[in-house]
Amino acid sequence: MSTKQMPKAEEAGLTTGGLAPGSASPALTLTASLLGFALICLDASVVNVALPAIGSGFGAGMSGLQWVVDAYTLSFAALMLSTGAFSDRIGASRAFTLGTAVFTLASAACGLAPDLASLIGARVVQGVAAAVVLPASLALVRQAYPDPARRARAVAAWAAGGSLAVALGPVAGGALTTVWDWRGIFFVNLPVGAVILVLLVRAPRSRPRPAPVDVPGQLTAVVALTALTFAAIEGGAAGWAALVVALVAGAAFLRVEARRPHPVVPLGLFRNRTVATAVAAGAAVSVAFYSMVFVFSLFFQQVQRHSALYAGLMFLPMTGLIAVTNVVAGKLASRYGPRLPMLVGQPVAVLGLLALLYVDADTPPPLVAALLIPLALGCALTVPPLTAAMMDAVPADRAGLAAGVLNAARQVSGGLGIAVFGALVADGFETGMRLSLGISAALLTLTSALSIRLAGRSARRS
């Protein structure tokens, strides 16, 4: 399951925008785009294993560590709603260059952070830049390959780069933290960012095109999500006050979106049962997958007292199978329709979560690593089909917008899951871990039931 499961470029509704004449080969553009996508995917997973070292270095508690993860995830997710339009307005090549440069500088700021507040602030900037890089990188690939067959292969390579980065993230984070320092997980971005910027010098320029940006909708969404995350992480009186702010901002967001001619989230999308089910299932999968990586990263190190490198290696079996399973899931969805792999994948993930309920401090780590595999396989089986189902359920001219809504919902849900489950384990790790597993299993059980309503292959072709 890639960090950002995207549909095929031609299905995503991303406009090419056109390229100004240039001498660069498409392969150079693809390389730059692939590296950029892999870089932002890596930063979504590499940090988890380094969290205990960050906490030790800054004397941070659980809430501080949650913010290190969620500052990136939530800014990334919330702004993803409108950065596609921003990329169109200034041109994909310019947006990608700007996003990569800001991401690289923010990575340096993370590595040099003198205190936790500075690190969290730099992580917010990283997330903003990542939200610009994602749609721009895919748009560049589409622009560089006008032939549909070559474009499909290029998009597949682009997506594989993200999957590989997700798989290597925990191992890379553990290795860098153990051999160097937690700051190394950010400094390693600098040479990669420099290579991307050098490649972009030769890339042809994209032509800007008019694209509406819903500023009021975007601002109210950011306020609502930030306040809701604050309430989940901090709790207490401040948490209750933040919850009130979240509710007010959420209500304002719904009011704004109902009245805007070009909203960032067209509420009418959710009248379609398939769209609503796909978004719900995507959100549940993200809660289960990303939150469990967060929880078990801490479990291996803080409960079982293993090194960061050892913890990273324990995730390799689950993450290493994700890319292969994504391909299998896509083929199953193409042949049998999305319902079958979704109805298989979600229950498999539920069984994996239930098996993990028996894990405690004395469970051998290799056994824990093995028990994490069904969770990963189930999630990886589910995401490509639910994406295909959502793309089939919306008109072609709204597919890109729908893909942005789905990906944003998945990222926001993962961030909120980390906020809630982090608070649970802070009050007693093993008890909180089991509550987190139970909540994740319940959510996936619910979306499994909803998925029965998804149209199968025959309905999609009717």
Protein backbone atom coordinates (compact mmCIF):
# COMPACT_ATOMS: atom_id res chain seq x y z
CA MET A 1 0.00 0.00 0.00
CA SER A 2 1.74 3.16 -1.11
CA THR A 3 1.59 6.17 1.20
CA LYS A 4 -0.49 7.96 -1.48
CA GLN A 5 -2.42 5.44 -3.48
CA MET A 6 -3.14 7.22 -6.77
CA PRO A 7 -5.21 6.11 -9.76
CA LYS A 8 -3.80 5.94 -13.25
CA ALA A 9 -2.91 9.40 -14.47
CA GLU A 10 -5.41 9.36 -17.31
CA GLU A 11 -8.15 8.38 -14.83
CA ALA A 12 -7.22 10.96 -12.26
CA GLY A 13 -8.49 13.92 -14.21
CA LEU A 14 -5.13 15.70 -14.00
CA THR A 15 -4.80 18.05 -16.92
CA THR A 16 -1.54 18.02 -18.82
CA GLY A 17 -1.37 21.75 -18.98
CA GLY A 18 1.16 21.41 -21.82
CA LEU A 19 4.92 21.66 -21.82
CA ALA A 20 6.97 24.44 -23.27
CA PRO A 21 9.60 23.18 -25.70
CA GLY A 22 12.69 21.79 -24.03
CA SER A 23 15.59 19.44 -24.71
CA ALA A 24 15.23 17.20 -21.66
CA SER A 25 14.40 13.56 -22.18
CA PRO A 26 11.19 12.26 -20.57
CA ALA A 27 13.36 9.87 -18.54
CA LEU A 28 14.97 12.80 -16.70
CA THR A 29 11.58 14.25 -15.85
CA LEU A 30 10.37 10.84 -14.67
CA THR A 31 13.48 10.38 -12.53
CA ALA A 32 13.00 13.76 -10.87
CA SER A 33 9.29 13.12 -10.28
CA LEU A 34 9.89 9.62 -8.93
CA LEU A 35 12.59 10.84 -6.54
CA GLY A 36 10.35 13.67 -5.34
CA PHE A 37 7.42 11.36 -4.66
CA ALA A 38 9.68 8.81 -2.96
CA LEU A 39 11.18 11.56 -0.78
CA ILE A 40 7.85 12.73 0.62
CA CYS A 41 6.68 9.13 1.11
CA LEU A 42 9.89 8.30 2.95
CA ASP A 43 9.36 11.17 5.37
CA ALA A 44 5.91 9.88 6.22
CA SER A 45 7.36 6.58 7.49
CA VAL A 46 11.01 7.15 8.39
CA VAL A 47 10.29 9.24 11.48
CA ASN A 48 8.30 6.66 13.47
CA VAL A 49 11.27 4.48 14.40
CA ALA A 50 13.30 7.55 15.41
CA LEU A 51 10.68 8.87 17.84
CA PRO A 52 12.16 7.41 21.06
CA ALA A 53 15.54 8.94 20.19
CA ILE A 54 13.90 12.30 19.50
CA GLY A 55 12.03 12.09 22.79
CA SER A 56 15.21 11.26 24.65
CA GLY A 57 17.14 14.07 22.98
CA PHE A 58 14.58 16.73 23.79
CA GLY A 59 13.08 15.24 26.94
CA ALA A 60 9.74 15.08 25.14
CA GLY A 61 6.73 13.11 26.31
CA MET A 62 4.20 11.21 24.24
CA SER A 63 2.27 14.30 23.16
CA GLY A 64 5.43 15.91 21.79
CA LEU A 65 6.25 12.79 19.78
CA GLN A 66 2.72 12.69 18.40
CA TRP A 67 3.11 16.26 17.16
CA VAL A 68 6.38 15.38 15.41
CA VAL A 69 4.41 12.91 13.28
CA ASP A 70 1.11 14.76 12.96
CA ALA A 71 2.61 18.18 12.18
CA TYR A 72 3.77 16.67 8.89
CA THR A 73 0.80 14.40 8.22
CA LEU A 74 -1.96 16.93 8.86
CA SER A 75 -0.39 19.86 7.00
CA PHE A 76 0.29 17.49 4.11
CA ALA A 77 -3.26 16.12 4.11
CA ALA A 78 -5.18 19.34 4.64
CA LEU A 79 -3.38 21.29 1.93
CA MET A 80 -3.55 18.41 -0.53
CA LEU A 81 -7.16 19.48 -1.10
CA SER A 82 -6.07 22.59 -3.02
CA THR A 83 -2.43 22.16 -4.07
CA GLY A 84 -3.48 20.46 -7.30
CA ALA A 85 -5.20 23.68 -8.35
CA PHE A 86 -2.17 25.67 -7.15
CA SER A 87 0.08 23.49 -9.31
CA ASP A 88 -2.11 24.15 -12.35
CA ARG A 89 -2.13 27.91 -11.72
CA ILE A 90 1.65 28.33 -11.65
CA GLY A 91 2.60 25.33 -13.80
CA ALA A 92 3.54 21.86 -12.60
CA SER A 93 7.28 22.28 -13.22
CA ARG A 94 7.44 25.52 -11.23
CA ALA A 95 5.29 24.06 -8.43
CA PHE A 96 7.44 20.93 -8.24
CA THR A 97 10.66 22.97 -8.13
CA LEU A 98 9.27 25.25 -5.43
CA GLY A 99 7.93 22.35 -3.35
CA THR A 100 11.17 20.39 -3.59
CA ALA A 101 13.32 23.40 -2.66
CA VAL A 102 11.14 24.24 0.36
CA PHE A 103 11.01 20.58 1.44
CA THR A 104 14.81 20.31 1.27
CA LEU A 105 15.33 23.50 3.29
CA ALA A 106 12.73 22.40 5.83
CA SER A 107 14.52 19.04 6.16
CA ALA A 108 17.73 20.92 7.00
CA ALA A 109 15.79 22.94 9.58
CA CYS A 110 14.46 19.69 11.10
CA GLY A 111 17.98 18.26 11.36
CA LEU A 112 19.30 21.45 12.95
CA ALA A 113 16.33 22.00 15.28
CA PRO A 114 17.55 23.18 18.71
CA ASP A 115 14.33 22.22 20.50
CA LEU A 116 11.08 20.32 20.03
CA ALA A 117 9.03 23.38 19.07
CA SER A 118 11.46 24.21 16.25
CA LEU A 119 11.34 20.63 15.02
CA ILE A 120 7.54 20.59 14.97
CA GLY A 121 7.45 23.93 13.14
CA ALA A 122 9.86 22.66 10.50
CA ARG A 123 7.77 19.51 10.12
CA VAL A 124 4.74 21.68 9.33
CA VAL A 125 6.71 23.37 6.55
CA GLN A 126 7.80 19.95 5.28
CA GLY A 127 4.16 18.87 5.10
CA VAL A 128 3.11 22.01 3.22
CA ALA A 129 5.91 21.45 0.69
CA ALA A 130 5.04 17.76 0.35
CA ALA A 131 1.43 18.69 -0.46
CA VAL A 132 2.74 20.78 -3.38
CA VAL A 133 5.19 18.11 -4.58
CA LEU A 134 2.67 15.25 -4.80
CA PRO A 135 0.23 16.52 -7.46
CA ALA A 136 2.95 18.39 -9.34
CA SER A 137 5.16 15.31 -9.61
CA LEU A 138 2.36 13.21 -11.12
CA ALA A 139 1.34 16.03 -13.47
CA LEU A 140 4.93 16.26 -14.73
CA VAL A 141 4.98 12.54 -15.48
CA ARG A 142 1.76 12.82 -17.43
CA GLN A 143 3.03 15.82 -19.37
CA ALA A 144 6.32 14.14 -20.23
CA TYR A 145 4.65 11.06 -21.76
CA PRO A 146 1.86 12.00 -24.20
CA ASP A 147 1.63 8.41 -25.46
CA PRO A 148 -0.90 6.56 -23.23
CA ALA A 149 1.00 3.25 -23.17
CA ARG A 150 4.34 4.84 -22.24
CA ARG A 151 2.57 7.09 -19.76
CA ALA A 152 0.97 4.11 -18.01
CA ARG A 153 4.39 2.50 -17.56
CA ALA A 154 5.84 5.77 -16.32
CA VAL A 155 3.04 6.24 -13.76
CA ALA A 156 3.56 2.66 -12.60
CA ALA A 157 7.26 3.40 -12.05
CA TRP A 158 6.34 6.61 -10.20
CA ALA A 159 3.96 4.73 -7.90
CA ALA A 160 6.52 1.96 -7.33
CA GLY A 161 9.00 4.56 -6.11
CA GLY A 162 6.56 5.63 -3.41
CA SER A 163 5.86 2.04 -2.39
CA LEU A 164 9.57 1.29 -2.13
CA ALA A 165 10.12 4.39 0.01
CA VAL A 166 7.33 3.33 2.38
CA ALA A 167 8.83 -0.16 2.64
CA LEU A 168 12.35 1.12 3.33
CA GLY A 169 11.28 3.96 5.64
CA PRO A 170 11.30 2.10 9.00
CA VAL A 171 14.55 0.30 8.18
CA ALA A 172 16.24 3.47 6.95
CA GLY A 173 15.03 5.36 10.02
CA GLY A 174 16.31 2.66 12.36
CA ALA A 175 19.68 2.42 10.60
CA LEU A 176 20.30 6.17 10.49
CA THR A 177 19.21 6.65 14.10
CA THR A 178 21.42 3.80 15.34
CA VAL A 179 24.52 4.45 13.24
CA TRP A 180 24.34 8.24 13.15
CA ASP A 181 21.64 10.12 15.09
CA TRP A 182 17.95 10.89 14.69
CA ARG A 183 18.94 14.07 12.87
CA GLY A 184 20.32 11.89 10.08
CA ILE A 185 16.79 10.94 8.97
CA PHE A 186 16.33 14.57 7.90
CA PHE A 187 19.84 15.33 6.65
CA VAL A 188 19.63 12.39 4.23
CA ASN A 189 16.97 14.36 2.34
CA LEU A 190 19.43 17.10 1.40
CA PRO A 191 21.46 15.29 -1.29
CA VAL A 192 18.29 13.76 -2.75
CA GLY A 193 16.64 17.18 -2.93
CA ALA A 194 19.77 18.62 -4.57
CA VAL A 195 19.74 15.87 -7.22
CA ILE A 196 16.08 16.55 -7.99
CA LEU A 197 16.71 20.28 -8.40
CA VAL A 198 19.63 19.61 -10.74
CA LEU A 199 17.46 17.32 -12.88
CA LEU A 200 14.75 19.96 -13.01
CA VAL A 201 17.14 22.46 -14.61
CA ARG A 202 16.87 20.40 -17.80
CA ALA A 203 13.15 19.71 -17.52
CA PRO A 204 10.84 21.60 -19.91
CA ARG A 205 8.57 24.19 -18.36
CA SER A 206 4.87 23.55 -17.83
CA ARG A 207 2.39 26.13 -19.05
CA PRO A 208 0.21 27.59 -16.28
CA ARG A 209 -3.55 27.43 -16.68
CA PRO A 210 -6.43 29.05 -14.80
CA ALA A 211 -7.63 26.99 -11.84
CA PRO A 212 -9.93 28.16 -9.02
CA VAL A 213 -8.64 27.94 -5.46
CA ASP A 214 -11.13 27.80 -2.58
CA VAL A 215 -9.25 29.82 0.06
CA PRO A 216 -12.09 30.04 2.66
CA GLY A 217 -12.74 26.30 2.42
CA GLN A 218 -9.06 25.50 2.73
CA LEU A 219 -8.56 27.77 5.76
CA THR A 220 -11.58 26.45 7.66
CA ALA A 221 -10.47 22.87 6.94
CA VAL A 222 -6.99 23.56 8.34
CA VAL A 223 -8.39 25.19 11.50
CA ALA A 224 -10.88 22.36 12.09
CA LEU A 225 -8.33 19.56 11.61
CA THR A 226 -5.62 21.26 13.66
CA ALA A 227 -8.00 21.97 16.54
CA LEU A 228 -9.38 18.42 16.47
CA THR A 229 -5.86 16.96 16.57
CA PHE A 230 -4.90 19.29 19.41
CA ALA A 231 -7.94 18.17 21.38
CA ALA A 232 -7.03 14.49 20.90
CA ILE A 233 -3.35 14.92 21.80
CA GLU A 234 -3.42 17.48 24.60
CA GLY A 235 -6.72 16.74 26.37
CA GLY A 236 -7.67 18.59 29.55
CA ALA A 237 -9.31 22.00 29.55
CA ALA A 238 -7.28 23.15 26.58
CA GLY A 239 -8.38 20.06 24.71
CA TRP A 240 -12.05 20.74 25.36
CA ALA A 241 -11.61 24.34 24.19
CA ALA A 242 -9.87 23.07 21.03
CA LEU A 243 -12.75 20.67 20.43
CA VAL A 244 -15.20 23.58 20.49
CA VAL A 245 -13.01 25.43 17.98
CA ALA A 246 -12.92 22.30 15.80
CA LEU A 247 -16.71 22.01 15.84
CA VAL A 248 -17.22 25.69 14.98
CA ALA A 249 -14.60 25.55 12.21
CA GLY A 250 -16.09 22.31 10.91
CA ALA A 251 -19.54 23.85 10.73
CA ALA A 252 -18.09 26.89 8.95
CA PHE A 253 -16.32 24.57 6.50
CA LEU A 254 -19.56 22.78 5.63
CA ARG A 255 -21.37 26.09 5.18
CA VAL A 256 -18.61 27.48 2.97
CA GLU A 257 -18.38 24.35 0.84
CA ALA A 258 -22.14 24.30 0.28
CA ARG A 259 -22.03 27.84 -1.13
CA ARG A 260 -18.74 27.97 -3.11
CA PRO A 261 -18.89 27.52 -6.90
CA HIS A 262 -15.61 25.57 -6.83
CA PRO A 263 -15.27 24.01 -3.35
CA VAL A 264 -12.18 22.03 -2.31
CA VAL A 265 -14.55 19.27 -1.15
CA PRO A 266 -17.78 19.15 -3.15
CA LEU A 267 -20.23 17.81 -0.59
CA GLY A 268 -22.40 16.38 -3.35
CA LEU A 269 -19.74 13.71 -3.94
CA PHE A 270 -20.80 11.97 -0.75
CA ARG A 271 -24.36 11.48 -1.96
CA ASN A 272 -22.89 8.70 -4.06
CA ARG A 273 -22.86 5.57 -1.86
CA THR A 274 -19.76 4.16 -3.54
CA VAL A 275 -17.80 7.37 -2.96
CA ALA A 276 -18.87 7.50 0.69
CA THR A 277 -17.95 3.84 1.22
CA ALA A 278 -14.57 4.20 -0.51
CA VAL A 279 -13.66 7.24 1.60
CA ALA A 280 -14.78 5.48 4.80
CA ALA A 281 -12.82 2.33 3.95
CA GLY A 282 -9.75 4.34 3.00
CA ALA A 283 -9.94 6.21 6.29
CA ALA A 284 -10.30 3.00 8.31
CA VAL A 285 -7.35 1.39 6.54
CA SER A 286 -5.18 4.42 7.23
CA VAL A 287 -6.13 4.47 10.91
CA ALA A 288 -5.22 0.80 11.24
CA PHE A 289 -2.02 0.82 9.20
CA TYR A 290 -0.30 4.11 10.03
CA SER A 291 -1.35 4.15 13.67
CA MET A 292 -0.11 0.60 14.24
CA VAL A 293 3.27 1.43 12.71
CA PHE A 294 3.44 4.32 15.18
CA VAL A 295 2.36 2.20 18.16
CA PHE A 296 4.59 -0.78 17.43
CA SER A 297 7.60 1.42 16.69
CA LEU A 298 7.30 2.57 20.29
CA PHE A 299 6.47 -0.96 21.50
CA PHE A 300 9.65 -2.50 20.11
CA GLN A 301 11.83 0.22 21.63
CA GLN A 302 10.13 1.47 24.79
CA VAL A 303 8.48 -1.76 25.96
CA GLN A 304 10.83 -4.43 24.62
CA ARG A 305 13.94 -2.20 24.81
CA HIS A 306 15.34 -2.96 21.37
CA SER A 307 17.42 -0.59 19.24
CA ALA A 308 15.94 1.63 16.53
CA LEU A 309 17.64 -0.47 13.84
CA TYR A 310 16.18 -3.69 15.26
CA ALA A 311 12.73 -2.09 15.40
CA GLY A 312 13.03 -0.98 11.78
CA LEU A 313 13.98 -4.48 10.66
CA MET A 314 10.90 -5.89 12.39
CA PHE A 315 8.73 -3.86 9.99
CA LEU A 316 10.52 -5.06 6.86
CA PRO A 317 8.38 -8.21 6.33
CA MET A 318 5.11 -6.25 6.42
CA THR A 319 6.27 -3.28 4.37
CA GLY A 320 8.24 -5.36 1.89
CA LEU A 321 5.12 -7.25 0.77
CA ILE A 322 3.00 -4.14 0.25
CA ALA A 323 4.16 -3.24 -3.27
CA VAL A 324 3.64 -6.81 -4.53
CA THR A 325 0.22 -7.03 -2.92
CA ASN A 326 -0.80 -3.68 -4.46
CA VAL A 327 -0.14 -5.12 -7.92
CA VAL A 328 -2.12 -8.28 -7.15
CA ALA A 329 -5.01 -6.21 -5.77
CA GLY A 330 -5.08 -4.07 -8.90
CA LYS A 331 -5.28 -7.16 -11.12
CA LEU A 332 -8.03 -8.67 -8.98
CA ALA A 333 -10.03 -5.44 -9.12
CA SER A 334 -9.60 -5.28 -12.89
CA ARG A 335 -10.79 -8.85 -13.36
CA TYR A 336 -13.49 -9.24 -10.71
CA GLY A 337 -14.40 -5.67 -9.77
CA PRO A 338 -13.43 -3.84 -6.57
CA ARG A 339 -15.83 -5.54 -4.19
CA LEU A 340 -14.08 -8.93 -4.05
CA PRO A 341 -10.57 -7.76 -3.04
CA MET A 342 -12.06 -5.25 -0.61
CA LEU A 343 -14.20 -7.95 1.00
CA VAL A 344 -11.14 -10.16 1.32
CA GLY A 345 -8.64 -7.49 2.33
CA GLN A 346 -10.51 -5.83 5.16
CA PRO A 347 -11.37 -9.04 7.04
CA VAL A 348 -7.76 -10.22 6.66
CA ALA A 349 -6.63 -6.95 8.25
CA VAL A 350 -9.19 -7.41 11.04
CA LEU A 351 -7.89 -10.91 11.77
CA GLY A 352 -4.36 -9.54 11.91
CA LEU A 353 -5.41 -6.86 14.38
CA LEU A 354 -7.21 -9.40 16.57
CA ALA A 355 -4.16 -11.69 16.58
CA LEU A 356 -2.02 -8.77 17.78
CA LEU A 357 -4.24 -8.45 20.86
CA TYR A 358 -2.27 -11.33 22.39
CA VAL A 359 1.08 -9.54 22.06
CA ASP A 360 2.76 -8.47 25.29
CA ALA A 361 6.20 -7.46 26.49
CA ASP A 362 7.42 -11.07 26.45
CA THR A 363 6.28 -11.91 22.91
CA PRO A 364 9.34 -12.65 20.70
CA PRO A 365 9.81 -9.73 18.28
CA PRO A 366 10.00 -11.99 15.17
CA LEU A 367 6.56 -13.35 16.11
CA VAL A 368 5.22 -9.80 16.43
CA ALA A 369 6.71 -9.02 13.00
CA ALA A 370 4.94 -12.08 11.57
CA LEU A 371 1.63 -11.07 13.16
CA LEU A 372 1.89 -7.63 11.53
CA ILE A 373 1.92 -9.20 8.06
CA PRO A 374 -1.84 -9.95 7.79
CA LEU A 375 -2.59 -6.34 8.69
CA ALA A 376 -0.33 -5.09 5.91
CA LEU A 377 -1.60 -7.61 3.37
CA GLY A 378 -5.23 -6.80 4.14
CA CYS A 379 -4.67 -3.06 3.85
CA ALA A 380 -2.67 -3.45 0.63
CA LEU A 381 -5.40 -5.62 -0.88
CA THR A 382 -8.01 -2.99 -0.06
CA VAL A 383 -6.55 0.34 -1.18
CA PRO A 384 -6.16 -0.09 -4.98
CA PRO A 385 -9.70 -1.52 -5.39
CA LEU A 386 -11.33 1.18 -3.28
CA THR A 387 -9.48 3.80 -5.34
CA ALA A 388 -10.69 2.17 -8.56
CA ALA A 389 -14.25 1.99 -7.21
CA MET A 390 -14.23 5.69 -6.37
CA MET A 391 -12.79 6.66 -9.76
CA ASP A 392 -15.48 4.61 -11.52
CA ALA A 393 -18.21 6.27 -9.45
CA VAL A 394 -17.46 9.88 -10.42
CA PRO A 395 -17.54 11.70 -13.78
CA ALA A 396 -14.20 11.90 -15.59
CA ASP A 397 -13.97 15.66 -15.13
CA ARG A 398 -14.17 15.24 -11.32
CA ALA A 399 -11.83 12.26 -10.99
CA GLY A 400 -8.78 14.31 -10.06
CA LEU A 401 -10.72 16.18 -7.41
CA ALA A 402 -12.17 12.91 -6.06
CA ALA A 403 -8.68 11.39 -5.88
CA GLY A 404 -7.51 14.40 -3.87
CA VAL A 405 -10.44 14.06 -1.46
CA LEU A 406 -9.75 10.34 -0.98
CA ASN A 407 -6.03 10.80 -0.36
CA ALA A 408 -6.60 13.73 1.97
CA ALA A 409 -9.17 11.74 3.95
CA ARG A 410 -6.73 8.85 4.29
CA GLN A 411 -3.90 11.04 5.51
CA VAL A 412 -6.09 13.00 7.94
CA SER A 413 -7.47 9.77 9.38
CA GLY A 414 -4.00 8.34 9.86
CA GLY A 415 -2.93 11.50 11.67
CA LEU A 416 -5.98 11.52 13.91
CA GLY A 417 -5.47 7.82 14.65
CA ILE A 418 -1.94 8.55 15.83
CA ALA A 419 -3.28 11.38 18.00
CA VAL A 420 -5.92 9.23 19.66
CA PHE A 421 -3.89 6.04 20.02
CA GLY A 422 -0.86 7.93 21.26
CA ALA A 423 -3.00 9.33 24.05
CA LEU A 424 -4.26 5.83 24.87
CA VAL A 425 -0.80 4.23 25.14
CA ALA A 426 0.46 7.16 27.20
CA ASP A 427 -1.83 6.08 30.04
CA GLY A 428 -0.57 2.48 30.07
CA PHE A 429 1.15 1.08 27.02
CA GLU A 430 -0.14 -2.48 26.71
CA THR A 431 -3.69 -1.59 27.73
CA GLY A 432 -3.69 1.38 25.36
CA MET A 433 -2.20 -0.76 22.59
CA ARG A 434 -5.01 -3.31 22.93
CA LEU A 435 -7.65 -0.58 22.92
CA SER A 436 -6.08 0.84 19.77
CA LEU A 437 -6.11 -2.57 18.10
CA GLY A 438 -9.75 -3.09 19.09
CA ILE A 439 -10.84 0.31 17.76
CA SER A 440 -9.02 -0.30 14.47
CA ALA A 441 -10.61 -3.74 14.12
CA ALA A 442 -14.07 -2.31 14.83
CA LEU A 443 -13.66 0.41 12.19
CA LEU A 444 -12.55 -2.09 9.55
CA THR A 445 -15.37 -4.44 10.46
CA LEU A 446 -17.84 -1.61 9.91
CA THR A 447 -16.36 -0.63 6.55
CA SER A 448 -16.30 -4.31 5.52
CA ALA A 449 -20.05 -4.35 6.01
CA LEU A 450 -20.41 -1.13 4.02
CA SER A 451 -18.25 -2.53 1.23
CA ILE A 452 -20.81 -5.25 0.51
CA ARG A 453 -22.86 -2.47 -1.08
CA LEU A 454 -20.16 -1.59 -3.58
CA ALA A 455 -20.98 -2.44 -7.14
CA GLY A 456 -19.14 -5.38 -8.61
CA ARG A 457 -17.75 -5.76 -12.05
CA SER A 458 -21.04 -6.19 -13.80
CA ALA A 459 -22.49 -3.03 -12.28
CA ARG A 460 -19.40 -1.06 -13.21
CA ARG A 461 -19.74 -2.12 -16.84
CA SER A 462 -23.48 -1.58 -17.11
